[in-house]
């Protein structure tokens, strides 16, 4: 796969994971308001985006064909660990936008910005530590 194809594919998957994240957040916020709704929405969105992105990255970015419950559990744990710092980038940008403007449109803009920066960092970490042998 060419570098351009890789970037386009990774960007498309990041976009899908971002949409899954924001959709999950909207579902939570539709039923729960206030601070509790915000916190639960961010957690639910992060989980939805994480699982989708792992599945897509493993198969279509790093071409990792490994199988088995133990292998998947170990890789998903590493993938999640690499995402801790990048999740803090995402949460920080989203929370900052919410605190500054207190509108859902700006909260989502902050989330998109944070996710974009986070995904660039995450690709590099995953390539080096999670899928090094597979990719």
Foldseek 3Di string as FASTA:
>chain_A
DDPVVLVVQLVVLLVVLLVQLVVQLVVLCVPDDDPVSNVVSNVRSVVSSLVSSCVCCCCPNLNPPDDDPVLVVVLSVQLVVLLPVLSCQLVVQLVVQCVVPVDVVSSSVSNVVSSVVSSVSSVVSCCPPRRVPRD
